[in-house]
Amino acid sequence: MKTIESLINANKKVYVRMSSEEICRRFYAQAEREGFTFGGKKPTEKHPSDLIAVLPDKALCYVGTFGRIASQSGAGNVVVVDGEELFEP
């Protein structure tokens, strides 16, 4: 299993795509164990979403319209990770 912290890259925008609410909840629980916050709160207190941004300061946030466009752009400074890949052995 990869750590969420290992995804952080100061030079790239990192997004994690969730295939289900269950995967998102697992992601939130792992993020909380790794010391991430979500709007100053514990990630497990937030509602699941299909796309979450991982910021360099160990913060998570929901993704709005521009972030969704960026996540689909294929730009070199954008990384999109499938949430399920984080939990594969």
PDB file of N, CA and C in Angstrom:
ATOM      1  N   MET A   1       0.842  -1.185   0.000  1.00  0.00           N
ATOM      2  CA  MET A   1       0.000   0.000   0.000  1.00  0.00           C
ATOM      3  C   MET A   1       0.886   1.247   0.000  1.00  0.00           C
ATOM      4  N   LYS A   2       0.593   2.173  -0.881  1.00  0.00           N
ATOM      5  CA  LYS A   2       1.292   3.451  -0.927  1.00  0.00           C
ATOM      6  C   LYS A   2       0.768   4.354   0.186  1.00  0.00           C
ATOM      7  N   THR A   3       1.606   5.286   0.595  1.00  0.00           N
ATOM      8  CA  THR A   3       1.108   6.288   1.527  1.00  0.00           C
ATOM      9  C   THR A   3       0.585   7.468   0.721  1.00  0.00           C
ATOM     10  N   ILE A   4      -0.338   8.198   1.309  1.00  0.00           N
ATOM     11  CA  ILE A   4      -0.859   9.393   0.650  1.00  0.00           C
ATOM     12  C   ILE A   4       0.220  10.461   0.632  1.00  0.00           C
ATOM     13  N   GLU A   5       1.005  10.508   1.695  1.00  0.00           N
ATOM     14  CA  GLU A   5       2.091  11.482   1.770  1.00  0.00           C
ATOM     15  C   GLU A   5       3.074  11.315   0.608  1.00  0.00           C
ATOM     16  N   SER A   6       3.258  10.091   0.142  1.00  0.00           N
ATOM     17  CA  SER A   6       4.190   9.846  -0.967  1.00  0.00           C
ATOM     18  C   SER A   6       3.698  10.456  -2.280  1.00  0.00           C
ATOM     19  N   LEU A   7       2.432  10.839  -2.339  1.00  0.00           N
ATOM     20  CA  LEU A   7       1.887  11.453  -3.550  1.00  0.00           C
ATOM     21  C   LEU A   7       2.233  12.935  -3.660  1.00  0.00           C
ATOM     22  N   ILE A   8       2.565  13.542  -2.515  1.00  0.00           N
ATOM     23  CA  ILE A   8       2.804  14.991  -2.499  1.00  0.00           C
ATOM     24  C   ILE A   8       3.973  15.349  -3.400  1.00  0.00           C
ATOM     25  N   ASN A   9       3.744  16.369  -4.212  1.00  0.00           N
ATOM     26  CA  ASN A   9       4.769  16.872  -5.113  1.00  0.00           C
ATOM     27  C   ASN A   9       4.576  18.379  -5.212  1.00  0.00           C
ATOM     28  N   ALA A  10       5.563  19.136  -4.742  1.00  0.00           N
ATOM     29  CA  ALA A  10       5.447  20.599  -4.716  1.00  0.00           C
ATOM     30  C   ALA A  10       5.328  21.195  -6.114  1.00  0.00           C
ATOM     31  N   ASN A  11       5.761  20.474  -7.140  1.00  0.00           N
ATOM     32  CA  ASN A  11       5.739  20.995  -8.504  1.00  0.00           C
ATOM     33  C   ASN A  11       4.543  20.529  -9.319  1.00  0.00           C
ATOM     34  N   LYS A  12       3.695  19.706  -8.727  1.00  0.00           N
ATOM     35  CA  LYS A  12       2.552  19.174  -9.466  1.00  0.00           C
ATOM     36  C   LYS A  12       1.292  19.250  -8.624  1.00  0.00           C
ATOM     37  N   LYS A  13       0.174  19.387  -9.297  1.00  0.00           N
ATOM     38  CA  LYS A  13      -1.129  19.326  -8.643  1.00  0.00           C
ATOM     39  C   LYS A  13      -1.524  17.854  -8.591  1.00  0.00           C
ATOM     40  N   VAL A  14      -1.900  17.388  -7.410  1.00  0.00           N
ATOM     41  CA  VAL A  14      -2.212  15.968  -7.225  1.00  0.00           C
ATOM     42  C   VAL A  14      -3.689  15.817  -6.885  1.00  0.00           C
ATOM     43  N   TYR A  15      -4.360  14.969  -7.667  1.00  0.00           N
ATOM     44  CA  TYR A  15      -5.771  14.665  -7.456  1.00  0.00           C
ATOM     45  C   TYR A  15      -5.921  13.164  -7.283  1.00  0.00           C
ATOM     46  N   VAL A  16      -6.839  12.768  -6.405  1.00  0.00           N
ATOM     47  CA  VAL A  16      -7.134  11.347  -6.230  1.00  0.00           C
ATOM     48  C   VAL A  16      -8.592  11.128  -6.636  1.00  0.00           C
ATOM     49  N   ARG A  17      -8.787  10.260  -7.617  1.00  0.00           N
ATOM     50  CA  ARG A  17     -10.121   9.945  -8.131  1.00  0.00           C
ATOM     51  C   ARG A  17     -10.670   8.740  -7.380  1.00  0.00           C
ATOM     52  N   MET A  18     -11.887   8.881  -6.902  1.00  0.00           N
ATOM     53  CA  MET A  18     -12.524   7.822  -6.116  1.00  0.00           C
ATOM     54  C   MET A  18     -13.583   7.117  -6.952  1.00  0.00           C
ATOM     55  N   SER A  19     -13.531   5.792  -6.957  1.00  0.00           N
ATOM     56  CA  SER A  19     -14.497   5.017  -7.734  1.00  0.00           C
ATOM     57  C   SER A  19     -15.782   4.754  -6.961  1.00  0.00           C
ATOM     58  N   SER A  20     -15.737   4.966  -5.635  1.00  0.00           N
ATOM     59  CA  SER A  20     -16.930   4.724  -4.821  1.00  0.00           C
ATOM     60  C   SER A  20     -16.805   5.482  -3.499  1.00  0.00           C
ATOM     61  N   GLU A  21     -17.919   5.589  -2.792  1.00  0.00           N
ATOM     62  CA  GLU A  21     -17.897   6.213  -1.473  1.00  0.00           C
ATOM     63  C   GLU A  21     -17.039   5.399  -0.514  1.00  0.00           C
ATOM     64  N   GLU A  22     -17.085   4.089  -0.636  1.00  0.00           N
ATOM     65  CA  GLU A  22     -16.294   3.221   0.241  1.00  0.00           C
ATOM     66  C   GLU A  22     -14.802   3.506   0.080  1.00  0.00           C
ATOM     67  N   ILE A  23     -14.337   3.624  -1.149  1.00  0.00           N
ATOM     68  CA  ILE A  23     -12.922   3.929  -1.396  1.00  0.00           C
ATOM     69  C   ILE A  23     -12.591   5.299  -0.825  1.00  0.00           C
ATOM     70  N   CYS A  24     -13.473   6.268  -0.991  1.00  0.00           N
ATOM     71  CA  CYS A  24     -13.235   7.601  -0.458  1.00  0.00           C
ATOM     72  C   CYS A  24     -13.137   7.570   1.065  1.00  0.00           C
ATOM     73  N   ARG A  25     -14.003   6.832   1.702  1.00  0.00           N
ATOM     74  CA  ARG A  25     -13.954   6.727   3.171  1.00  0.00           C
ATOM     75  C   ARG A  25     -12.657   6.049   3.633  1.00  0.00           C
ATOM     76  N   ARG A  26     -12.205   5.043   2.912  1.00  0.00           N
ATOM     77  CA  ARG A  26     -10.932   4.401   3.239  1.00  0.00           C
ATOM     78  C   ARG A  26      -9.779   5.389   3.057  1.00  0.00           C
ATOM     79  N   PHE A  27      -9.852   6.168   1.981  1.00  0.00           N
ATOM     80  CA  PHE A  27      -8.843   7.198   1.716  1.00  0.00           C
ATOM     81  C   PHE A  27      -8.810   8.215   2.856  1.00  0.00           C
ATOM     82  N   TYR A  28      -9.982   8.682   3.274  1.00  0.00           N
ATOM     83  CA  TYR A  28     -10.059   9.644   4.382  1.00  0.00           C
ATOM     84  C   TYR A  28      -9.451   9.060   5.658  1.00  0.00           C
ATOM     85  N   ALA A  29      -9.764   7.809   5.963  1.00  0.00           N
ATOM     86  CA  ALA A  29      -9.236   7.173   7.175  1.00  0.00           C
ATOM     87  C   ALA A  29      -7.710   7.077   7.107  1.00  0.00           C
ATOM     88  N   GLN A  30      -7.180   6.695   5.953  1.00  0.00           N
ATOM     89  CA  GLN A  30      -5.727   6.603   5.783  1.00  0.00           C
ATOM     90  C   GLN A  30      -5.103   7.994   5.894  1.00  0.00           C
ATOM     91  N   ALA A  31      -5.724   8.981   5.274  1.00  0.00           N
ATOM     92  CA  ALA A  31      -5.205  10.353   5.336  1.00  0.00           C
ATOM     93  C   ALA A  31      -5.158  10.847   6.784  1.00  0.00           C
ATOM     94  N   GLU A  32      -6.180  10.542   7.529  1.00  0.00           N
ATOM     95  CA  GLU A  32      -6.223  10.949   8.939  1.00  0.00           C
ATOM     96  C   GLU A  32      -5.087  10.292   9.727  1.00  0.00           C
ATOM     97  N   ARG A  33      -4.837   9.013   9.484  1.00  0.00           N
ATOM     98  CA  ARG A  33      -3.742   8.314  10.156  1.00  0.00           C
ATOM     99  C   ARG A  33      -2.384   8.940   9.801  1.00  0.00           C
ATOM    100  N   GLU A  34      -2.272   9.489   8.589  1.00  0.00           N
ATOM    101  CA  GLU A  34      -1.025  10.095   8.139  1.00  0.00           C
ATOM    102  C   GLU A  34      -0.902  11.563   8.548  1.00  0.00           C
ATOM    103  N   GLY A  35      -1.906  12.094   9.236  1.00  0.00           N
ATOM    104  CA  GLY A  35      -1.819  13.465   9.736  1.00  0.00           C
ATOM    105  C   GLY A  35      -2.336  14.544   8.797  1.00  0.00           C
ATOM    106  N   PHE A  36      -3.098  14.155   7.786  1.00  0.00           N
ATOM    107  CA  PHE A  36      -3.704  15.136   6.882  1.00  0.00           C
ATOM    108  C   PHE A  36      -4.907  15.784   7.548  1.00  0.00           C
ATOM    109  N   THR A  37      -5.201  16.998   7.123  1.00  0.00           N
ATOM    110  CA  THR A  37      -6.418  17.681   7.568  1.00  0.00           C
ATOM    111  C   THR A  37      -7.238  18.049   6.343  1.00  0.00           C
ATOM    112  N   PHE A  38      -8.494  18.359   6.589  1.00  0.00           N
ATOM    113  CA  PHE A  38      -9.419  18.701   5.503  1.00  0.00           C
ATOM    114  C   PHE A  38     -10.197  19.917   5.978  1.00  0.00           C
ATOM    115  N   GLY A  39      -9.766  21.096   5.542  1.00  0.00           N
ATOM    116  CA  GLY A  39     -10.414  22.320   5.990  1.00  0.00           C
ATOM    117  C   GLY A  39     -10.264  22.515   7.495  1.00  0.00           C
ATOM    118  N   GLY A  40      -9.122  22.076   8.037  1.00  0.00           N
ATOM    119  CA  GLY A  40      -8.874  22.196   9.463  1.00  0.00           C
ATOM    120  C   GLY A  40      -9.544  21.130  10.311  1.00  0.00           C
ATOM    121  N   LYS A  41     -10.233  20.212   9.677  1.00  0.00           N
ATOM    122  CA  LYS A  41     -10.931  19.139  10.407  1.00  0.00           C
ATOM    123  C   LYS A  41     -10.331  17.787  10.041  1.00  0.00           C
ATOM    124  N   LYS A  42     -10.763  16.771  10.766  1.00  0.00           N
ATOM    125  CA  LYS A  42     -10.360  15.410  10.434  1.00  0.00           C
ATOM    126  C   LYS A  42     -11.027  15.009   9.118  1.00  0.00           C
ATOM    127  N   PRO A  43     -10.284  14.376   8.214  1.00  0.00           N
ATOM    128  CA  PRO A  43     -10.884  13.955   6.942  1.00  0.00           C
ATOM    129  C   PRO A  43     -12.122  13.080   7.114  1.00  0.00           C
ATOM    130  N   THR A  44     -12.145  12.235   8.150  1.00  0.00           N
ATOM    131  CA  THR A  44     -13.275  11.329   8.332  1.00  0.00           C
ATOM    132  C   THR A  44     -14.566  12.060   8.697  1.00  0.00           C
ATOM    133  N   GLU A  45     -14.478  13.350   9.006  1.00  0.00           N
ATOM    134  CA  GLU A  45     -15.667  14.144   9.304  1.00  0.00           C
ATOM    135  C   GLU A  45     -16.303  14.735   8.040  1.00  0.00           C
ATOM    136  N   LYS A  46     -15.643  14.598   6.906  1.00  0.00           N
ATOM    137  CA  LYS A  46     -16.115  15.203   5.662  1.00  0.00           C
ATOM    138  C   LYS A  46     -16.920  14.209   4.823  1.00  0.00           C
ATOM    139  N   HIS A  47     -17.717  14.753   3.920  1.00  0.00           N
ATOM    140  CA  HIS A  47     -18.516  13.927   3.017  1.00  0.00           C
ATOM    141  C   HIS A  47     -17.640  13.378   1.896  1.00  0.00           C
ATOM    142  N   PRO A  48     -17.924  12.160   1.453  1.00  0.00           N
ATOM    143  CA  PRO A  48     -17.165  11.582   0.341  1.00  0.00           C
ATOM    144  C   PRO A  48     -17.352  12.391  -0.938  1.00  0.00           C
ATOM    145  N   SER A  49     -16.382  12.302  -1.801  1.00  0.00           N
ATOM    146  CA  SER A  49     -16.440  12.966  -3.100  1.00  0.00           C
ATOM    147  C   SER A  49     -15.745  12.070  -4.112  1.00  0.00           C
ATOM    148  N   ASP A  50     -15.972  12.326  -5.376  1.00  0.00           N
ATOM    149  CA  ASP A  50     -15.356  11.503  -6.411  1.00  0.00           C
ATOM    150  C   ASP A  50     -13.955  11.978  -6.790  1.00  0.00           C
ATOM    151  N   LEU A  51     -13.560  13.186  -6.341  1.00  0.00           N
ATOM    152  CA  LEU A  51     -12.251  13.727  -6.671  1.00  0.00           C
ATOM    153  C   LEU A  51     -11.781  14.608  -5.516  1.00  0.00           C
ATOM    154  N   ILE A  52     -10.586  14.329  -5.008  1.00  0.00           N
ATOM    155  CA  ILE A  52     -10.023  15.059  -3.881  1.00  0.00           C
ATOM    156  C   ILE A  52      -8.639  15.556  -4.268  1.00  0.00           C
ATOM    157  N   ALA A  53      -8.329  16.796  -3.904  1.00  0.00           N
ATOM    158  CA  ALA A  53      -6.992  17.344  -4.132  1.00  0.00           C
ATOM    159  C   ALA A  53      -6.127  17.087  -2.897  1.00  0.00           C
ATOM    160  N   VAL A  54      -4.877  16.721  -3.137  1.00  0.00           N
ATOM    161  CA  VAL A  54      -3.894  16.519  -2.080  1.00  0.00           C
ATOM    162  C   VAL A  54      -2.887  17.661  -2.198  1.00  0.00           C
ATOM    163  N   LEU A  55      -2.794  18.489  -1.161  1.00  0.00           N
ATOM    164  CA  LEU A  55      -1.941  19.676  -1.194  1.00  0.00           C
ATOM    165  C   LEU A  55      -0.606  19.410  -0.500  1.00  0.00           C
ATOM    166  N   PRO A  56       0.444  20.158  -0.874  1.00  0.00           N
ATOM    167  CA  PRO A  56       1.779  19.933  -0.298  1.00  0.00           C
ATOM    168  C   PRO A  56       1.863  20.122   1.214  1.00  0.00           C
ATOM    169  N   ASP A  57       0.930  20.866   1.818  1.00  0.00           N
ATOM    170  CA  ASP A  57       0.970  21.101   3.263  1.00  0.00           C
ATOM    171  C   ASP A  57       0.184  20.054   4.056  1.00  0.00           C
ATOM    172  N   LYS A  58      -0.031  18.896   3.436  1.00  0.00           N
ATOM    173  CA  LYS A  58      -0.781  17.783   4.040  1.00  0.00           C
ATOM    174  C   LYS A  58      -2.228  18.165   4.327  1.00  0.00           C
ATOM    175  N   ALA A  59      -2.792  18.922   3.413  1.00  0.00           N
ATOM    176  CA  ALA A  59      -4.207  19.266   3.479  1.00  0.00           C
ATOM    177  C   ALA A  59      -4.910  18.604   2.301  1.00  0.00           C
ATOM    178  N   LEU A  60      -6.185  18.311   2.497  1.00  0.00           N
ATOM    179  CA  LEU A  60      -7.044  17.779   1.441  1.00  0.00           C
ATOM    180  C   LEU A  60      -8.123  18.799   1.170  1.00  0.00           C
ATOM    181  N   CYS A  61      -8.661  18.794  -0.045  1.00  0.00           N
ATOM    182  CA  CYS A  61      -9.787  19.682  -0.311  1.00  0.00           C
ATOM    183  C   CYS A  61     -10.636  19.114  -1.452  1.00  0.00           C
ATOM    184  N   TYR A  62     -11.904  19.548  -1.436  1.00  0.00           N
ATOM    185  CA  TYR A  62     -12.791  19.204  -2.539  1.00  0.00           C
ATOM    186  C   TYR A  62     -12.306  19.924  -3.788  1.00  0.00           C
ATOM    187  N   VAL A  63     -12.695  19.423  -4.940  1.00  0.00           N
ATOM    188  CA  VAL A  63     -12.247  19.979  -6.211  1.00  0.00           C
ATOM    189  C   VAL A  63     -13.425  20.632  -6.914  1.00  0.00           C
ATOM    190  N   GLY A  64     -13.249  21.892  -7.294  1.00  0.00           N
ATOM    191  CA  GLY A  64     -14.279  22.643  -8.006  1.00  0.00           C
ATOM    192  C   GLY A  64     -14.128  22.494  -9.515  1.00  0.00           C
ATOM    193  N   THR A  65     -14.795  23.341 -10.230  1.00  0.00           N
ATOM    194  CA  THR A  65     -14.831  23.280 -11.693  1.00  0.00           C
ATOM    195  C   THR A  65     -13.448  23.367 -12.327  1.00  0.00           C
ATOM    196  N   PHE A  66     -12.646  24.354 -11.914  1.00  0.00           N
ATOM    197  CA  PHE A  66     -11.333  24.519 -12.531  1.00  0.00           C
ATOM    198  C   PHE A  66     -10.406  23.346 -12.220  1.00  0.00           C
ATOM    199  N   GLY A  67     -10.489  22.828 -11.015  1.00  0.00           N
ATOM    200  CA  GLY A  67      -9.692  21.655 -10.655  1.00  0.00           C
ATOM    201  C   GLY A  67     -10.102  20.427 -11.449  1.00  0.00           C
ATOM    202  N   ARG A  68     -11.398  20.299 -11.695  1.00  0.00           N
ATOM    203  CA  ARG A  68     -11.881  19.160 -12.493  1.00  0.00           C
ATOM    204  C   ARG A  68     -11.381  19.270 -13.932  1.00  0.00           C
ATOM    205  N   ILE A  69     -11.379  20.476 -14.460  1.00  0.00           N
ATOM    206  CA  ILE A  69     -10.847  20.681 -15.811  1.00  0.00           C
ATOM    207  C   ILE A  69      -9.360  20.348 -15.830  1.00  0.00           C
ATOM    208  N   ALA A  70      -8.629  20.835 -14.832  1.00  0.00           N
ATOM    209  CA  ALA A  70      -7.187  20.565 -14.751  1.00  0.00           C
ATOM    210  C   ALA A  70      -6.920  19.070 -14.647  1.00  0.00           C
ATOM    211  N   SER A  71      -7.731  18.362 -13.851  1.00  0.00           N
ATOM    212  CA  SER A  71      -7.491  16.931 -13.653  1.00  0.00           C
ATOM    213  C   SER A  71      -7.692  16.123 -14.924  1.00  0.00           C
ATOM    214  N   GLN A  72      -8.419  16.677 -15.877  1.00  0.00           N
ATOM    215  CA  GLN A  72      -8.671  15.982 -17.130  1.00  0.00           C
ATOM    216  C   GLN A  72      -7.813  16.514 -18.277  1.00  0.00           C
ATOM    217  N   SER A  73      -6.952  17.487 -17.976  1.00  0.00           N
ATOM    218  CA  SER A  73      -6.203  18.174 -19.030  1.00  0.00           C
ATOM    219  C   SER A  73      -5.043  17.378 -19.600  1.00  0.00           C
ATOM    220  N   GLY A  74      -4.486  16.459 -18.800  1.00  0.00           N
ATOM    221  CA  GLY A  74      -3.310  15.732 -19.264  1.00  0.00           C
ATOM    222  C   GLY A  74      -2.051  16.578 -19.209  1.00  0.00           C
ATOM    223  N   ALA A  75      -2.104  17.721 -18.546  1.00  0.00           N
ATOM    224  CA  ALA A  75      -0.950  18.609 -18.434  1.00  0.00           C
ATOM    225  C   ALA A  75       0.166  17.930 -17.651  1.00  0.00           C
ATOM    226  N   GLY A  76       1.382  18.312 -17.931  1.00  0.00           N
ATOM    227  CA  GLY A  76       2.544  17.718 -17.289  1.00  0.00           C
ATOM    228  C   GLY A  76       2.652  18.011 -15.806  1.00  0.00           C
ATOM    229  N   ASN A  77       1.990  19.070 -15.350  1.00  0.00           N
ATOM    230  CA  ASN A  77       2.075  19.426 -13.927  1.00  0.00           C
ATOM    231  C   ASN A  77       0.886  18.912 -13.120  1.00  0.00           C
ATOM    232  N   VAL A  78       0.149  17.950 -13.679  1.00  0.00           N
ATOM    233  CA  VAL A  78      -1.034  17.388 -13.013  1.00  0.00           C
ATOM    234  C   VAL A  78      -0.879  15.872 -12.908  1.00  0.00           C
ATOM    235  N   VAL A  79      -1.133  15.354 -11.708  1.00  0.00           N
ATOM    236  CA  VAL A  79      -1.099  13.909 -11.480  1.00  0.00           C
ATOM    237  C   VAL A  79      -2.468  13.492 -10.960  1.00  0.00           C
ATOM    238  N   VAL A  80      -3.067  12.486 -11.588  1.00  0.00           N
ATOM    239  CA  VAL A  80      -4.342  11.942 -11.121  1.00  0.00           C
ATOM    240  C   VAL A  80      -4.107  10.477 -10.764  1.00  0.00           C
ATOM    241  N   VAL A  81      -4.418  10.155  -9.507  1.00  0.00           N
ATOM    242  CA  VAL A  81      -4.211   8.808  -8.990  1.00  0.00           C
ATOM    243  C   VAL A  81      -5.569   8.177  -8.743  1.00  0.00           C
ATOM    244  N   ASP A  82      -5.700   6.919  -9.100  1.00  0.00           N
ATOM    245  CA  ASP A  82      -6.915   6.167  -8.805  1.00  0.00           C
ATOM    246  C   ASP A  82      -6.861   5.761  -7.338  1.00  0.00           C
ATOM    247  N   GLY A  83      -7.853   6.145  -6.555  1.00  0.00           N
ATOM    248  CA  GLY A  83      -7.881   5.853  -5.132  1.00  0.00           C
ATOM    249  C   GLY A  83      -7.724   4.380  -4.819  1.00  0.00           C
ATOM    250  N   GLU A  84      -8.245   3.508  -5.657  1.00  0.00           N
ATOM    251  CA  GLU A  84      -8.138   2.065  -5.416  1.00  0.00           C
ATOM    252  C   GLU A  84      -6.688   1.598  -5.447  1.00  0.00           C
ATOM    253  N   GLU A  85      -5.846   2.255  -6.252  1.00  0.00           N
ATOM    254  CA  GLU A  85      -4.451   1.876  -6.355  1.00  0.00           C
ATOM    255  C   GLU A  85      -3.708   2.053  -5.030  1.00  0.00           C
ATOM    256  N   LEU A  86      -4.192   2.953  -4.197  1.00  0.00           N
ATOM    257  CA  LEU A  86      -3.542   3.196  -2.913  1.00  0.00           C
ATOM    258  C   LEU A  86      -3.700   2.019  -1.960  1.00  0.00           C
ATOM    259  N   PHE A  87      -4.716   1.203  -2.189  1.00  0.00           N
ATOM    260  CA  PHE A  87      -5.034   0.126  -1.264  1.00  0.00           C
ATOM    261  C   PHE A  87      -4.703  -1.257  -1.812  1.00  0.00           C
ATOM    262  N   GLU A  88      -4.072  -1.309  -2.980  1.00  0.00           N
ATOM    263  CA  GLU A  88      -3.666  -2.590  -3.532  1.00  0.00           C
ATOM    264  C   GLU A  88      -2.437  -3.079  -2.781  1.00  0.00           C
ATOM    265  N   PRO A  89      -2.302  -4.385  -2.588  1.00  0.00           N
ATOM    266  CA  PRO A  89      -1.124  -4.917  -1.864  1.00  0.00           C
ATOM    267  C   PRO A  89       0.167  -4.680  -2.613  1.00  0.00           C
TER     268      PRO A  89
END
